[in-house]
Amino acid sequence: MTFKNNLAIVLFAACLSGPAFAQKPVVLDDESIFVAVEEVLQGAPALAAARITVRSQDGFITLSGSAPSVKEIATAVRLASNVRGVTGVSNEIRVADRPWRA
């Protein structure tokens, strides 16, 4: 066989098996997502002084509680957003020792 024939066979086989190699979206349940977000937040040294509560519904995460500064809040949101299965993050975290706005 010639190079062109071999190439044609390989390309044809790849076309036939294409869907078999396609990645399907991974659907994770809320409990798995909740645990993963909790673990990543608790494992972040920058968030050691933060008191953050996590809720998960249909992959959408709500973070609430308090953190020492806006920097820690941004870190928590970024870390939660990067967890596999998270579809969105609502940030309700407040800076500690700062009064609520009316």
PDB file of N, CA and C in Angstrom:
ATOM      1  N   MET A   1       0.833  -1.188   0.000  1.00  0.00           N
ATOM      2  CA  MET A   1       0.000   0.000   0.000  1.00  0.00           C
ATOM      3  C   MET A   1       0.875   1.248   0.000  1.00  0.00           C
ATOM      4  N   THR A   2       0.344   2.265  -0.587  1.00  0.00           N
ATOM      5  CA  THR A   2       1.094   3.508  -0.652  1.00  0.00           C
ATOM      6  C   THR A   2       0.751   4.374   0.556  1.00  0.00           C
ATOM      7  N   PHE A   3       1.534   5.398   0.710  1.00  0.00           N
ATOM      8  CA  PHE A   3       1.317   6.330   1.823  1.00  0.00           C
ATOM      9  C   PHE A   3      -0.079   6.954   1.753  1.00  0.00           C
ATOM     10  N   LYS A   4      -0.495   7.322   0.532  1.00  0.00           N
ATOM     11  CA  LYS A   4      -1.817   7.942   0.364  1.00  0.00           C
ATOM     12  C   LYS A   4      -2.933   6.984   0.776  1.00  0.00           C
ATOM     13  N   ASN A   5      -2.806   5.727   0.435  1.00  0.00           N
ATOM     14  CA  ASN A   5      -3.820   4.737   0.810  1.00  0.00           C
ATOM     15  C   ASN A   5      -3.871   4.566   2.334  1.00  0.00           C
ATOM     16  N   ASN A   6      -2.692   4.478   2.948  1.00  0.00           N
ATOM     17  CA  ASN A   6      -2.641   4.339   4.407  1.00  0.00           C
ATOM     18  C   ASN A   6      -3.265   5.549   5.094  1.00  0.00           C
ATOM     19  N   LEU A   7      -2.942   6.711   4.588  1.00  0.00           N
ATOM     20  CA  LEU A   7      -3.488   7.930   5.153  1.00  0.00           C
ATOM     21  C   LEU A   7      -5.000   7.966   4.994  1.00  0.00           C
ATOM     22  N   ALA A   8      -5.494   7.577   3.839  1.00  0.00           N
ATOM     23  CA  ALA A   8      -6.936   7.562   3.591  1.00  0.00           C
ATOM     24  C   ALA A   8      -7.634   6.594   4.544  1.00  0.00           C
ATOM     25  N   ILE A   9      -7.058   5.445   4.791  1.00  0.00           N
ATOM     26  CA  ILE A   9      -7.652   4.458   5.705  1.00  0.00           C
ATOM     27  C   ILE A   9      -7.688   4.994   7.129  1.00  0.00           C
ATOM     28  N   VAL A  10      -6.594   5.606   7.560  1.00  0.00           N
ATOM     29  CA  VAL A  10      -6.533   6.159   8.916  1.00  0.00           C
ATOM     30  C   VAL A  10      -7.558   7.274   9.089  1.00  0.00           C
ATOM     31  N   LEU A  11      -7.639   8.178   8.109  1.00  0.00           N
ATOM     32  CA  LEU A  11      -8.611   9.269   8.190  1.00  0.00           C
ATOM     33  C   LEU A  11     -10.040   8.750   8.175  1.00  0.00           C
ATOM     34  N   PHE A  12     -10.317   7.749   7.362  1.00  0.00           N
ATOM     35  CA  PHE A  12     -11.649   7.163   7.301  1.00  0.00           C
ATOM     36  C   PHE A  12     -12.010   6.530   8.650  1.00  0.00           C
ATOM     37  N   ALA A  13     -11.093   5.796   9.239  1.00  0.00           N
ATOM     38  CA  ALA A  13     -11.341   5.159  10.533  1.00  0.00           C
ATOM     39  C   ALA A  13     -11.553   6.211  11.622  1.00  0.00           C
ATOM     40  N   ALA A  14     -10.796   7.290  11.556  1.00  0.00           N
ATOM     41  CA  ALA A  14     -10.954   8.361  12.548  1.00  0.00           C
ATOM     42  C   ALA A  14     -12.321   9.024  12.433  1.00  0.00           C
ATOM     43  N   CYS A  15     -12.794   9.186  11.212  1.00  0.00           N
ATOM     44  CA  CYS A  15     -14.120   9.787  11.010  1.00  0.00           C
ATOM     45  C   CYS A  15     -15.216   8.897  11.559  1.00  0.00           C
ATOM     46  N   LEU A  16     -15.069   7.596  11.383  1.00  0.00           N
ATOM     47  CA  LEU A  16     -16.081   6.670  11.882  1.00  0.00           C
ATOM     48  C   LEU A  16     -16.104   6.608  13.402  1.00  0.00           C
ATOM     49  N   SER A  17     -14.961   6.758  14.015  1.00  0.00           N
ATOM     50  CA  SER A  17     -14.892   6.638  15.469  1.00  0.00           C
ATOM     51  C   SER A  17     -14.947   7.981  16.180  1.00  0.00           C
ATOM     52  N   GLY A  18     -15.113   9.073  15.450  1.00  0.00           N
ATOM     53  CA  GLY A  18     -15.125  10.415  16.039  1.00  0.00           C
ATOM     54  C   GLY A  18     -16.034  10.571  17.237  1.00  0.00           C
ATOM     55  N   PRO A  19     -17.318  10.227  17.136  1.00  0.00           N
ATOM     56  CA  PRO A  19     -18.211  10.403  18.287  1.00  0.00           C
ATOM     57  C   PRO A  19     -17.797   9.582  19.504  1.00  0.00           C
ATOM     58  N   ALA A  20     -17.109   8.483  19.293  1.00  0.00           N
ATOM     59  CA  ALA A  20     -16.681   7.662  20.415  1.00  0.00           C
ATOM     60  C   ALA A  20     -15.648   8.383  21.276  1.00  0.00           C
ATOM     61  N   PHE A  21     -14.885   9.283  20.649  1.00  0.00           N
ATOM     62  CA  PHE A  21     -13.849  10.001  21.379  1.00  0.00           C
ATOM     63  C   PHE A  21     -14.312  11.367  21.878  1.00  0.00           C
ATOM     64  N   ALA A  22     -15.486  11.782  21.471  1.00  0.00           N
ATOM     65  CA  ALA A  22     -16.002  13.088  21.890  1.00  0.00           C
ATOM     66  C   ALA A  22     -16.274  13.066  23.388  1.00  0.00           C
ATOM     67  N   GLN A  23     -15.874  14.126  24.057  1.00  0.00           N
ATOM     68  CA  GLN A  23     -16.106  14.204  25.494  1.00  0.00           C
ATOM     69  C   GLN A  23     -17.521  14.660  25.757  1.00  0.00           C
ATOM     70  N   LYS A  24     -18.174  13.970  26.660  1.00  0.00           N
ATOM     71  CA  LYS A  24     -19.522  14.340  27.049  1.00  0.00           C
ATOM     72  C   LYS A  24     -19.428  15.192  28.301  1.00  0.00           C
ATOM     73  N   PRO A  25     -20.346  16.144  28.467  1.00  0.00           N
ATOM     74  CA  PRO A  25     -20.300  16.950  29.682  1.00  0.00           C
ATOM     75  C   PRO A  25     -20.516  16.077  30.912  1.00  0.00           C
ATOM     76  N   VAL A  26     -19.756  16.362  31.939  1.00  0.00           N
ATOM     77  CA  VAL A  26     -19.861  15.614  33.175  1.00  0.00           C
ATOM     78  C   VAL A  26     -20.923  16.273  34.045  1.00  0.00           C
ATOM     79  N   VAL A  27     -21.913  15.488  34.417  1.00  0.00           N
ATOM     80  CA  VAL A  27     -22.960  16.012  35.284  1.00  0.00           C
ATOM     81  C   VAL A  27     -22.684  15.502  36.693  1.00  0.00           C
ATOM     82  N   LEU A  28     -22.457  16.421  37.607  1.00  0.00           N
ATOM     83  CA  LEU A  28     -22.208  16.065  38.991  1.00  0.00           C
ATOM     84  C   LEU A  28     -23.409  16.468  39.833  1.00  0.00           C
ATOM     85  N   ASP A  29     -23.679  15.689  40.850  1.00  0.00           N
ATOM     86  CA  ASP A  29     -24.799  16.028  41.722  1.00  0.00           C
ATOM     87  C   ASP A  29     -24.389  17.145  42.680  1.00  0.00           C
ATOM     88  N   ASP A  30     -25.374  17.798  43.269  1.00  0.00           N
ATOM     89  CA  ASP A  30     -25.108  18.939  44.145  1.00  0.00           C
ATOM     90  C   ASP A  30     -24.244  18.566  45.348  1.00  0.00           C
ATOM     91  N   GLU A  31     -24.425  17.377  45.881  1.00  0.00           N
ATOM     92  CA  GLU A  31     -23.625  16.968  47.035  1.00  0.00           C
ATOM     93  C   GLU A  31     -22.143  16.909  46.680  1.00  0.00           C
ATOM     94  N   SER A  32     -21.819  16.355  45.511  1.00  0.00           N
ATOM     95  CA  SER A  32     -20.417  16.274  45.075  1.00  0.00           C
ATOM     96  C   SER A  32     -19.836  17.657  44.842  1.00  0.00           C
ATOM     97  N   ILE A  33     -20.612  18.520  44.228  1.00  0.00           N
ATOM     98  CA  ILE A  33     -20.147  19.882  43.970  1.00  0.00           C
ATOM     99  C   ILE A  33     -19.951  20.624  45.281  1.00  0.00           C
ATOM    100  N   PHE A  34     -20.909  20.490  46.203  1.00  0.00           N
ATOM    101  CA  PHE A  34     -20.827  21.125  47.514  1.00  0.00           C
ATOM    102  C   PHE A  34     -19.545  20.699  48.246  1.00  0.00           C
ATOM    103  N   VAL A  35     -19.297  19.406  48.278  1.00  0.00           N
ATOM    104  CA  VAL A  35     -18.115  18.876  48.968  1.00  0.00           C
ATOM    105  C   VAL A  35     -16.834  19.398  48.315  1.00  0.00           C
ATOM    106  N   ALA A  36     -16.803  19.411  46.988  1.00  0.00           N
ATOM    107  CA  ALA A  36     -15.602  19.880  46.282  1.00  0.00           C
ATOM    108  C   ALA A  36     -15.331  21.353  46.561  1.00  0.00           C
ATOM    109  N   VAL A  37     -16.379  22.172  46.575  1.00  0.00           N
ATOM    110  CA  VAL A  37     -16.203  23.603  46.858  1.00  0.00           C
ATOM    111  C   VAL A  37     -15.749  23.797  48.304  1.00  0.00           C
ATOM    112  N   GLU A  38     -16.393  23.094  49.229  1.00  0.00           N
ATOM    113  CA  GLU A  38     -15.987  23.186  50.640  1.00  0.00           C
ATOM    114  C   GLU A  38     -14.508  22.830  50.797  1.00  0.00           C
ATOM    115  N   GLU A  39     -14.088  21.752  50.175  1.00  0.00           N
ATOM    116  CA  GLU A  39     -12.695  21.307  50.298  1.00  0.00           C
ATOM    117  C   GLU A  39     -11.712  22.331  49.742  1.00  0.00           C
ATOM    118  N   VAL A  40     -12.032  22.897  48.577  1.00  0.00           N
ATOM    119  CA  VAL A  40     -11.101  23.856  47.982  1.00  0.00           C
ATOM    120  C   VAL A  40     -11.032  25.133  48.823  1.00  0.00           C
ATOM    121  N   LEU A  41     -12.141  25.559  49.398  1.00  0.00           N
ATOM    122  CA  LEU A  41     -12.128  26.762  50.234  1.00  0.00           C
ATOM    123  C   LEU A  41     -11.404  26.507  51.559  1.00  0.00           C
ATOM    124  N   GLN A  42     -11.651  25.353  52.164  1.00  0.00           N
ATOM    125  CA  GLN A  42     -10.990  25.035  53.427  1.00  0.00           C
ATOM    126  C   GLN A  42      -9.503  24.778  53.256  1.00  0.00           C
ATOM    127  N   GLY A  43      -9.101  24.373  52.056  1.00  0.00           N
ATOM    128  CA  GLY A  43      -7.694  24.090  51.801  1.00  0.00           C
ATOM    129  C   GLY A  43      -6.890  25.308  51.390  1.00  0.00           C
ATOM    130  N   ALA A  44      -7.548  26.450  51.241  1.00  0.00           N
ATOM    131  CA  ALA A  44      -6.848  27.667  50.808  1.00  0.00           C
ATOM    132  C   ALA A  44      -6.324  28.430  52.020  1.00  0.00           C
ATOM    133  N   PRO A  45      -5.002  28.518  52.181  1.00  0.00           N
ATOM    134  CA  PRO A  45      -4.433  29.234  53.326  1.00  0.00           C
ATOM    135  C   PRO A  45      -4.893  30.695  53.399  1.00  0.00           C
ATOM    136  N   ALA A  46      -5.137  31.313  52.274  1.00  0.00           N
ATOM    137  CA  ALA A  46      -5.559  32.714  52.254  1.00  0.00           C
ATOM    138  C   ALA A  46      -6.942  32.910  52.879  1.00  0.00           C
ATOM    139  N   LEU A  47      -7.706  31.818  52.992  1.00  0.00           N
ATOM    140  CA  LEU A  47      -9.063  31.924  53.534  1.00  0.00           C
ATOM    141  C   LEU A  47      -9.178  31.386  54.951  1.00  0.00           C
ATOM    142  N   ALA A  48      -8.042  31.220  55.623  1.00  0.00           N
ATOM    143  CA  ALA A  48      -8.049  30.638  56.968  1.00  0.00           C
ATOM    144  C   ALA A  48      -8.889  31.446  57.957  1.00  0.00           C
ATOM    145  N   ALA A  49      -8.917  32.759  57.820  1.00  0.00           N
ATOM    146  CA  ALA A  49      -9.659  33.604  58.749  1.00  0.00           C
ATOM    147  C   ALA A  49     -11.103  33.858  58.300  1.00  0.00           C
ATOM    148  N   ALA A  50     -11.461  33.361  57.135  1.00  0.00           N
ATOM    149  CA  ALA A  50     -12.808  33.591  56.602  1.00  0.00           C
ATOM    150  C   ALA A  50     -13.795  32.581  57.186  1.00  0.00           C
ATOM    151  N   ARG A  51     -15.032  33.012  57.297  1.00  0.00           N
ATOM    152  CA  ARG A  51     -16.122  32.128  57.731  1.00  0.00           C
ATOM    153  C   ARG A  51     -17.153  32.110  56.613  1.00  0.00           C
ATOM    154  N   ILE A  52     -16.986  31.114  55.729  1.00  0.00           N
ATOM    155  CA  ILE A  52     -17.797  31.071  54.517  1.00  0.00           C
ATOM    156  C   ILE A  52     -18.704  29.850  54.537  1.00  0.00           C
ATOM    157  N   THR A  53     -19.971  30.079  54.205  1.00  0.00           N
ATOM    158  CA  THR A  53     -20.957  29.021  54.093  1.00  0.00           C
ATOM    159  C   THR A  53     -21.226  28.781  52.615  1.00  0.00           C
ATOM    160  N   VAL A  54     -21.367  27.511  52.249  1.00  0.00           N
ATOM    161  CA  VAL A  54     -21.583  27.130  50.856  1.00  0.00           C
ATOM    162  C   VAL A  54     -22.943  26.462  50.713  1.00  0.00           C
ATOM    163  N   ARG A  55     -23.682  26.868  49.677  1.00  0.00           N
ATOM    164  CA  ARG A  55     -24.924  26.183  49.293  1.00  0.00           C
ATOM    165  C   ARG A  55     -24.817  25.867  47.814  1.00  0.00           C
ATOM    166  N   SER A  56     -25.402  24.731  47.432  1.00  0.00           N
ATOM    167  CA  SER A  56     -25.362  24.318  46.030  1.00  0.00           C
ATOM    168  C   SER A  56     -26.744  23.874  45.582  1.00  0.00           C
ATOM    169  N   GLN A  57     -27.162  24.404  44.429  1.00  0.00           N
ATOM    170  CA  GLN A  57     -28.437  23.978  43.839  1.00  0.00           C
ATOM    171  C   GLN A  57     -28.275  23.939  42.331  1.00  0.00           C
ATOM    172  N   ASP A  58     -28.409  22.765  41.776  1.00  0.00           N
ATOM    173  CA  ASP A  58     -28.273  22.557  40.330  1.00  0.00           C
ATOM    174  C   ASP A  58     -26.944  23.085  39.796  1.00  0.00           C
ATOM    175  N   GLY A  59     -25.884  22.918  40.569  1.00  0.00           N
ATOM    176  CA  GLY A  59     -24.556  23.357  40.153  1.00  0.00           C
ATOM    177  C   GLY A  59     -24.268  24.823  40.405  1.00  0.00           C
ATOM    178  N   PHE A  60     -25.284  25.572  40.840  1.00  0.00           N
ATOM    179  CA  PHE A  60     -25.097  26.997  41.130  1.00  0.00           C
ATOM    180  C   PHE A  60     -24.743  27.145  42.603  1.00  0.00           C
ATOM    181  N   ILE A  61     -23.639  27.803  42.886  1.00  0.00           N
ATOM    182  CA  ILE A  61     -23.105  27.937  44.245  1.00  0.00           C
ATOM    183  C   ILE A  61     -23.450  29.306  44.815  1.00  0.00           C
ATOM    184  N   THR A  62     -23.882  29.320  46.071  1.00  0.00           N
ATOM    185  CA  THR A  62     -24.074  30.566  46.807  1.00  0.00           C
ATOM    186  C   THR A  62     -23.100  30.569  47.969  1.00  0.00           C
ATOM    187  N   LEU A  63     -22.259  31.584  48.011  1.00  0.00           N
ATOM    188  CA  LEU A  63     -21.309  31.753  49.105  1.00  0.00           C
ATOM    189  C   LEU A  63     -21.811  32.864  50.002  1.00  0.00           C
ATOM    190  N   SER A  64     -21.827  32.612  51.309  1.00  0.00           N
ATOM    191  CA  SER A  64     -22.234  33.640  52.264  1.00  0.00           C
ATOM    192  C   SER A  64     -21.313  33.567  53.464  1.00  0.00           C
ATOM    193  N   GLY A  65     -21.441  34.547  54.362  1.00  0.00           N
ATOM    194  CA  GLY A  65     -20.596  34.590  55.540  1.00  0.00           C
ATOM    195  C   GLY A  65     -19.747  35.844  55.541  1.00  0.00           C
ATOM    196  N   SER A  66     -18.535  35.713  56.097  1.00  0.00           N
ATOM    197  CA  SER A  66     -17.662  36.878  56.187  1.00  0.00           C
ATOM    198  C   SER A  66     -16.213  36.498  55.912  1.00  0.00           C
ATOM    199  N   ALA A  67     -15.462  37.512  55.505  1.00  0.00           N
ATOM    200  CA  ALA A  67     -14.032  37.365  55.236  1.00  0.00           C
ATOM    201  C   ALA A  67     -13.348  38.660  55.658  1.00  0.00           C
ATOM    202  N   PRO A  68     -12.047  38.613  55.971  1.00  0.00           N
ATOM    203  CA  PRO A  68     -11.343  39.802  56.448  1.00  0.00           C
ATOM    204  C   PRO A  68     -11.284  40.964  55.466  1.00  0.00           C
ATOM    205  N   SER A  69     -11.271  40.656  54.153  1.00  0.00           N
ATOM    206  CA  SER A  69     -11.144  41.745  53.179  1.00  0.00           C
ATOM    207  C   SER A  69     -11.762  41.336  51.842  1.00  0.00           C
ATOM    208  N   VAL A  70     -11.852  42.307  50.953  1.00  0.00           N
ATOM    209  CA  VAL A  70     -12.377  42.064  49.614  1.00  0.00           C
ATOM    210  C   VAL A  70     -11.476  41.085  48.861  1.00  0.00           C
ATOM    211  N   LYS A  71     -10.193  41.121  49.141  1.00  0.00           N
ATOM    212  CA  LYS A  71      -9.249  40.220  48.475  1.00  0.00           C
ATOM    213  C   LYS A  71      -9.592  38.756  48.762  1.00  0.00           C
ATOM    214  N   GLU A  72      -9.892  38.440  50.010  1.00  0.00           N
ATOM    215  CA  GLU A  72     -10.260  37.070  50.370  1.00  0.00           C
ATOM    216  C   GLU A  72     -11.598  36.678  49.743  1.00  0.00           C
ATOM    217  N   ILE A  73     -12.522  37.620  49.668  1.00  0.00           N
ATOM    218  CA  ILE A  73     -13.817  37.342  49.051  1.00  0.00           C
ATOM    219  C   ILE A  73     -13.613  36.991  47.577  1.00  0.00           C
ATOM    220  N   ALA A  74     -12.798  37.777  46.887  1.00  0.00           N
ATOM    221  CA  ALA A  74     -12.522  37.510  45.475  1.00  0.00           C
ATOM    222  C   ALA A  74     -11.849  36.157  45.296  1.00  0.00           C
ATOM    223  N   THR A  75     -10.964  35.807  46.213  1.00  0.00           N
ATOM    224  CA  THR A  75     -10.292  34.508  46.153  1.00  0.00           C
ATOM    225  C   THR A  75     -11.300  33.385  46.295  1.00  0.00           C
ATOM    226  N   ALA A  76     -12.218  33.505  47.241  1.00  0.00           N
ATOM    227  CA  ALA A  76     -13.231  32.473  47.455  1.00  0.00           C
ATOM    228  C   ALA A  76     -14.113  32.294  46.226  1.00  0.00           C
ATOM    229  N   VAL A  77     -14.528  33.393  45.632  1.00  0.00           N
ATOM    230  CA  VAL A  77     -15.380  33.320  44.432  1.00  0.00           C
ATOM    231  C   VAL A  77     -14.620  32.668  43.281  1.00  0.00           C
ATOM    232  N   ARG A  78     -13.365  33.064  43.098  1.00  0.00           N
ATOM    233  CA  ARG A  78     -12.552  32.495  42.020  1.00  0.00           C
ATOM    234  C   ARG A  78     -12.351  30.992  42.210  1.00  0.00           C
ATOM    235  N   LEU A  79     -12.014  30.590  43.434  1.00  0.00           N
ATOM    236  CA  LEU A  79     -11.797  29.163  43.700  1.00  0.00           C
ATOM    237  C   LEU A  79     -13.067  28.361  43.484  1.00  0.00           C
ATOM    238  N   ALA A  80     -14.196  28.864  43.972  1.00  0.00           N
ATOM    239  CA  ALA A  80     -15.469  28.154  43.803  1.00  0.00           C
ATOM    240  C   ALA A  80     -15.841  28.062  42.328  1.00  0.00           C
ATOM    241  N   SER A  81     -15.593  29.116  41.577  1.00  0.00           N
ATOM    242  CA  SER A  81     -15.936  29.139  40.148  1.00  0.00           C
ATOM    243  C   SER A  81     -15.157  28.100  39.355  1.00  0.00           C
ATOM    244  N   ASN A  82     -13.962  27.772  39.806  1.00  0.00           N
ATOM    245  CA  ASN A  82     -13.101  26.842  39.080  1.00  0.00           C
ATOM    246  C   ASN A  82     -13.350  25.383  39.417  1.00  0.00           C
ATOM    247  N   VAL A  83     -14.264  25.106  40.342  1.00  0.00           N
ATOM    248  CA  VAL A  83     -14.558  23.718  40.711  1.00  0.00           C
ATOM    249  C   VAL A  83     -15.378  23.068  39.595  1.00  0.00           C
ATOM    250  N   ARG A  84     -15.017  21.860  39.257  1.00  0.00           N
ATOM    251  CA  ARG A  84     -15.709  21.121  38.199  1.00  0.00           C
ATOM    252  C   ARG A  84     -17.180  20.928  38.569  1.00  0.00           C
ATOM    253  N   GLY A  85     -18.048  21.253  37.635  1.00  0.00           N
ATOM    254  CA  GLY A  85     -19.486  21.090  37.842  1.00  0.00           C
ATOM    255  C   GLY A  85     -20.202  22.355  38.258  1.00  0.00           C
ATOM    256  N   VAL A  86     -19.448  23.376  38.685  1.00  0.00           N
ATOM    257  CA  VAL A  86     -20.052  24.643  39.090  1.00  0.00           C
ATOM    258  C   VAL A  86     -20.495  25.407  37.853  1.00  0.00           C
ATOM    259  N   THR A  87     -21.772  25.802  37.847  1.00  0.00           N
ATOM    260  CA  THR A  87     -22.305  26.531  36.696  1.00  0.00           C
ATOM    261  C   THR A  87     -22.360  28.033  36.938  1.00  0.00           C
ATOM    262  N   GLY A  88     -22.262  28.452  38.192  1.00  0.00           N
ATOM    263  CA  GLY A  88     -22.286  29.867  38.523  1.00  0.00           C
ATOM    264  C   GLY A  88     -22.087  30.058  40.012  1.00  0.00           C
ATOM    265  N   VAL A  89     -21.726  31.279  40.404  1.00  0.00           N
ATOM    266  CA  VAL A  89     -21.479  31.586  41.814  1.00  0.00           C
ATOM    267  C   VAL A  89     -22.158  32.895  42.173  1.00  0.00           C
ATOM    268  N   SER A  90     -22.932  32.857  43.247  1.00  0.00           N
ATOM    269  CA  SER A  90     -23.515  34.066  43.811  1.00  0.00           C
ATOM    270  C   SER A  90     -22.722  34.416  45.054  1.00  0.00           C
ATOM    271  N   ASN A  91     -22.236  35.635  45.114  1.00  0.00           N
ATOM    272  CA  ASN A  91     -21.405  36.067  46.238  1.00  0.00           C
ATOM    273  C   ASN A  91     -22.223  36.899  47.215  1.00  0.00           C
ATOM    274  N   GLU A  92     -22.447  36.355  48.404  1.00  0.00           N
ATOM    275  CA  GLU A  92     -23.110  37.082  49.479  1.00  0.00           C
ATOM    276  C   GLU A  92     -22.173  37.261  50.676  1.00  0.00           C
ATOM    277  N   ILE A  93     -20.873  37.062  50.446  1.00  0.00           N
ATOM    278  CA  ILE A  93     -19.882  37.201  51.513  1.00  0.00           C
ATOM    279  C   ILE A  93     -19.690  38.686  51.812  1.00  0.00           C
ATOM    280  N   ARG A  94     -19.616  39.029  53.081  1.00  0.00           N
ATOM    281  CA  ARG A  94     -19.398  40.412  53.517  1.00  0.00           C
ATOM    282  C   ARG A  94     -18.028  40.534  54.181  1.00  0.00           C
ATOM    283  N   VAL A  95     -17.485  41.728  54.128  1.00  0.00           N
ATOM    284  CA  VAL A  95     -16.232  41.989  54.832  1.00  0.00           C
ATOM    285  C   VAL A  95     -16.546  42.001  56.325  1.00  0.00           C
ATOM    286  N   ALA A  96     -15.763  41.266  57.093  1.00  0.00           N
ATOM    287  CA  ALA A  96     -15.979  41.163  58.533  1.00  0.00           C
ATOM    288  C   ALA A  96     -15.848  42.527  59.203  1.00  0.00           C
ATOM    289  N   ASP A  97     -16.615  42.737  60.251  1.00  0.00           N
ATOM    290  CA  ASP A  97     -16.587  43.973  61.045  1.00  0.00           C
ATOM    291  C   ASP A  97     -16.929  45.202  60.212  1.00  0.00           C
ATOM    292  N   ARG A  98     -17.738  45.016  59.214  1.00  0.00           N
ATOM    293  CA  ARG A  98     -18.179  46.133  58.388  1.00  0.00           C
ATOM    294  C   ARG A  98     -19.710  46.135  58.412  1.00  0.00           C
ATOM    295  N   PRO A  99     -20.337  47.236  58.685  1.00  0.00           N
ATOM    296  CA  PRO A  99     -21.788  47.246  58.796  1.00  0.00           C
ATOM    297  C   PRO A  99     -22.470  46.960  57.455  1.00  0.00           C
ATOM    298  N   TRP A 100     -23.647  46.377  57.568  1.00  0.00           N
ATOM    299  CA  TRP A 100     -24.455  46.106  56.363  1.00  0.00           C
ATOM    300  C   TRP A 100     -24.929  47.408  55.785  1.00  0.00           C
ATOM    301  N   ARG A 101     -25.031  47.427  54.500  1.00  0.00           N
ATOM    302  CA  ARG A 101     -25.546  48.623  53.830  1.00  0.00           C
ATOM    303  C   ARG A 101     -27.062  48.522  53.725  1.00  0.00           C
ATOM    304  N   ALA A 102     -27.727  49.659  53.883  1.00  0.00           N
ATOM    305  CA  ALA A 102     -29.179  49.672  53.811  1.00  0.00           C
ATOM    306  C   ALA A 102     -29.650  49.868  52.401  1.00  0.00           C
TER     307      ALA A 102
END
